[in-house]
Amino acid sequence: MTPSRLQKALKKKLPFDSPEHEANLNILRTSDQFEIRIARLLREYDLTASQYNVLRILRGSGQPLPSSEIAERLLQVVPAITGLIDRLEKQGLVSRQRCTQDRRVIYVEATEKALNLIEQVDAPLANLHHELIGHLSREELEELSRLLEKARRSVENNKL
């Protein structure tokens, strides 16, 4: 049997234990390479991927959101959403306001500075997305998304 590209890249002498093992490693390797490129781009704007994600969520909502809702919408789990919002506030990218009905709830809003910043990131990030995965056809991209969503269901349903 001919070794797969991943097997060759990892200099793995023996075949993978299972197709599931190989697929998982392919997902992890691809994710790592994509994340590195995206982080490098965002660093040019003094943002981390998590910070950009918070600002993207706030821009998309068009209104202040409770920090707990922002945490639920994040692409990646962030253990300390409060610390992340603290850093954004220090950069002048978000403001916070305590809810008058429930003082435990803190609303977070993107500042004008943040909205201008992420607008600057939009085109370079879109170009990077195209560079990373634009060689796939629309049908392939839709199938890839469908398969990844299907793969995630086992985790989302079982909360592993």
Protein backbone atom coordinates (compact mmCIF):
# COMPACT_ATOMS: atom_id res chain seq x y z
CA MET A 1 0.00 0.00 0.00
CA THR A 2 1.32 3.44 -0.97
CA PRO A 3 1.88 5.76 2.01
CA SER A 4 -0.44 8.78 2.17
CA ARG A 5 0.88 12.33 1.90
CA LEU A 6 0.38 12.78 5.64
CA GLN A 7 2.22 9.55 6.38
CA LYS A 8 5.13 10.78 4.27
CA ALA A 9 5.04 14.27 5.81
CA LEU A 10 5.15 12.81 9.31
CA LYS A 11 7.83 10.31 8.22
CA LYS A 12 5.64 7.58 9.64
CA LYS A 13 6.96 4.17 8.67
CA LEU A 14 3.84 2.15 9.43
CA PRO A 15 0.34 2.90 8.16
CA PHE A 16 -2.06 4.69 10.47
CA ASP A 17 -4.01 2.54 12.92
CA SER A 18 -7.29 3.44 11.21
CA PRO A 19 -8.78 5.81 8.65
CA GLU A 20 -10.30 7.74 11.59
CA HIS A 21 -6.84 8.24 13.09
CA GLU A 22 -5.44 9.52 9.80
CA ALA A 23 -8.43 11.82 9.20
CA ASN A 24 -8.14 13.30 12.71
CA LEU A 25 -4.44 13.95 12.24
CA ASN A 26 -5.15 15.55 8.85
CA ILE A 27 -7.69 17.87 10.48
CA LEU A 28 -5.27 18.80 13.27
CA ARG A 29 -2.36 19.42 10.90
CA THR A 30 -4.47 21.52 8.53
CA SER A 31 -5.98 23.49 11.41
CA ASP A 32 -2.53 24.19 12.86
CA GLN A 33 -1.15 25.42 9.54
CA PHE A 34 -4.19 27.63 8.90
CA GLU A 35 -4.16 29.02 12.45
CA ILE A 36 -0.48 29.95 12.15
CA ARG A 37 -1.11 31.91 8.94
CA ILE A 38 -4.18 33.66 10.35
CA ALA A 39 -2.38 34.52 13.61
CA ARG A 40 0.53 35.99 11.62
CA LEU A 41 -1.87 38.23 9.69
CA LEU A 42 -3.78 39.34 12.79
CA ARG A 43 -0.52 40.09 14.60
CA GLU A 44 0.06 42.86 12.02
CA TYR A 45 -3.02 44.55 13.54
CA ASP A 46 -2.00 43.82 17.16
CA LEU A 47 -4.80 41.26 17.52
CA THR A 48 -4.95 37.63 18.51
CA ALA A 49 -7.41 35.27 16.86
CA SER A 50 -9.55 35.28 20.02
CA GLN A 51 -9.59 39.08 20.17
CA TYR A 52 -10.53 39.32 16.50
CA ASN A 53 -13.26 36.74 17.06
CA VAL A 54 -14.79 38.81 19.90
CA LEU A 55 -14.74 41.95 17.75
CA ARG A 56 -16.23 40.07 14.79
CA ILE A 57 -19.06 38.80 17.01
CA LEU A 58 -19.76 42.28 18.35
CA ARG A 59 -19.74 43.83 14.89
CA GLY A 60 -22.08 41.14 13.60
CA SER A 61 -24.54 41.60 16.46
CA GLY A 62 -24.75 45.35 15.91
CA GLN A 63 -25.47 45.82 19.61
CA PRO A 64 -23.80 45.29 22.99
CA LEU A 65 -23.79 41.67 24.15
CA PRO A 66 -23.40 40.05 27.55
CA SER A 67 -19.92 38.58 27.94
CA SER A 68 -21.50 35.15 28.52
CA GLU A 69 -23.14 35.28 25.08
CA ILE A 70 -19.87 36.31 23.45
CA ALA A 71 -18.21 33.30 25.10
CA GLU A 72 -20.91 30.99 23.69
CA ARG A 73 -20.39 32.32 20.15
CA LEU A 74 -16.59 32.06 20.07
CA LEU A 75 -15.06 29.67 17.55
CA GLN A 76 -12.60 28.36 20.11
CA VAL A 77 -13.19 27.93 23.82
CA VAL A 78 -11.52 30.68 25.82
CA PRO A 79 -11.16 29.78 29.49
CA ALA A 80 -11.05 33.39 30.70
CA ILE A 81 -13.43 35.57 28.68
CA THR A 82 -13.12 38.30 31.32
CA GLY A 83 -9.36 38.53 30.80
CA LEU A 84 -9.81 38.63 27.04
CA ILE A 85 -12.32 41.47 27.33
CA ASP A 86 -10.01 43.25 29.83
CA ARG A 87 -7.23 43.27 27.22
CA LEU A 88 -9.57 44.56 24.52
CA GLU A 89 -10.77 47.31 26.85
CA LYS A 90 -7.18 48.36 27.62
CA GLN A 91 -6.60 48.65 23.86
CA GLY A 92 -9.65 50.89 23.58
CA LEU A 93 -11.47 48.34 21.41
CA VAL A 94 -14.44 47.57 23.65
CA SER A 95 -16.38 49.27 26.39
CA ARG A 96 -18.34 47.61 29.18
CA GLN A 97 -21.54 48.56 30.89
CA ARG A 98 -23.20 46.82 33.82
CA CYS A 99 -26.83 45.81 33.29
CA THR A 100 -29.17 47.96 35.40
CA GLN A 101 -31.68 45.09 35.91
CA ASP A 102 -29.10 42.42 36.83
CA ARG A 103 -25.79 43.78 38.13
CA ARG A 104 -24.11 40.41 37.49
CA VAL A 105 -24.48 40.91 33.73
CA ILE A 106 -21.87 42.96 31.88
CA TYR A 107 -22.62 44.20 28.37
CA VAL A 108 -19.70 44.56 25.99
CA GLU A 109 -19.71 46.87 22.97
CA ALA A 110 -17.18 47.36 20.19
CA THR A 111 -15.82 50.89 20.01
CA GLU A 112 -15.54 52.91 16.82
CA LYS A 113 -11.79 52.22 16.94
CA ALA A 114 -12.51 48.47 16.93
CA LEU A 115 -14.98 48.69 14.06
CA ASN A 116 -12.44 50.65 12.00
CA LEU A 117 -9.71 48.14 12.86
CA ILE A 118 -11.65 45.05 11.86
CA GLU A 119 -12.77 46.79 8.68
CA GLN A 120 -9.05 47.14 7.84
CA VAL A 121 -8.60 43.40 8.49
CA ASP A 122 -11.54 42.31 6.30
CA ALA A 123 -9.87 42.41 2.86
CA PRO A 124 -6.48 40.95 3.89
CA LEU A 125 -8.27 38.16 5.80
CA ALA A 126 -10.57 37.41 2.86
CA ASN A 127 -7.49 37.24 0.62
CA LEU A 128 -5.81 34.85 3.06
CA HIS A 129 -8.89 32.62 3.18
CA HIS A 130 -8.80 32.49 -0.61
CA GLU A 131 -5.06 31.77 -0.61
CA LEU A 132 -5.47 28.94 1.93
CA ILE A 133 -8.47 27.17 0.45
CA GLY A 134 -9.57 29.01 -2.69
CA HIS A 135 -8.13 26.29 -4.93
CA LEU A 136 -11.13 24.12 -4.04
CA SER A 137 -14.30 24.43 -6.10
CA ARG A 138 -17.50 25.79 -4.56
CA GLU A 139 -18.90 22.25 -4.51
CA GLU A 140 -15.77 20.91 -2.77
CA LEU A 141 -15.91 23.70 -0.19
CA GLU A 142 -19.57 22.98 0.53
CA GLU A 143 -18.82 19.26 0.82
CA LEU A 144 -15.85 19.93 3.11
CA SER A 145 -18.01 22.10 5.37
CA ARG A 146 -20.77 19.49 5.38
CA LEU A 147 -18.33 16.72 6.32
CA LEU A 148 -16.67 18.78 9.06
CA GLU A 149 -20.06 19.69 10.53
CA LYS A 150 -21.04 16.02 10.42
CA ALA A 151 -17.77 15.05 12.13
CA ARG A 152 -18.35 17.63 14.88
CA ARG A 153 -21.79 16.23 15.67
CA SER A 154 -20.31 13.37 17.69
CA VAL A 155 -18.61 15.86 19.99
CA GLU A 156 -21.54 18.26 20.17
CA ASN A 157 -24.06 15.46 20.83
CA ASN A 158 -21.94 13.63 23.38
CA LYS A 159 -20.17 16.65 24.90
CA LEU A 160 -16.96 14.62 24.99
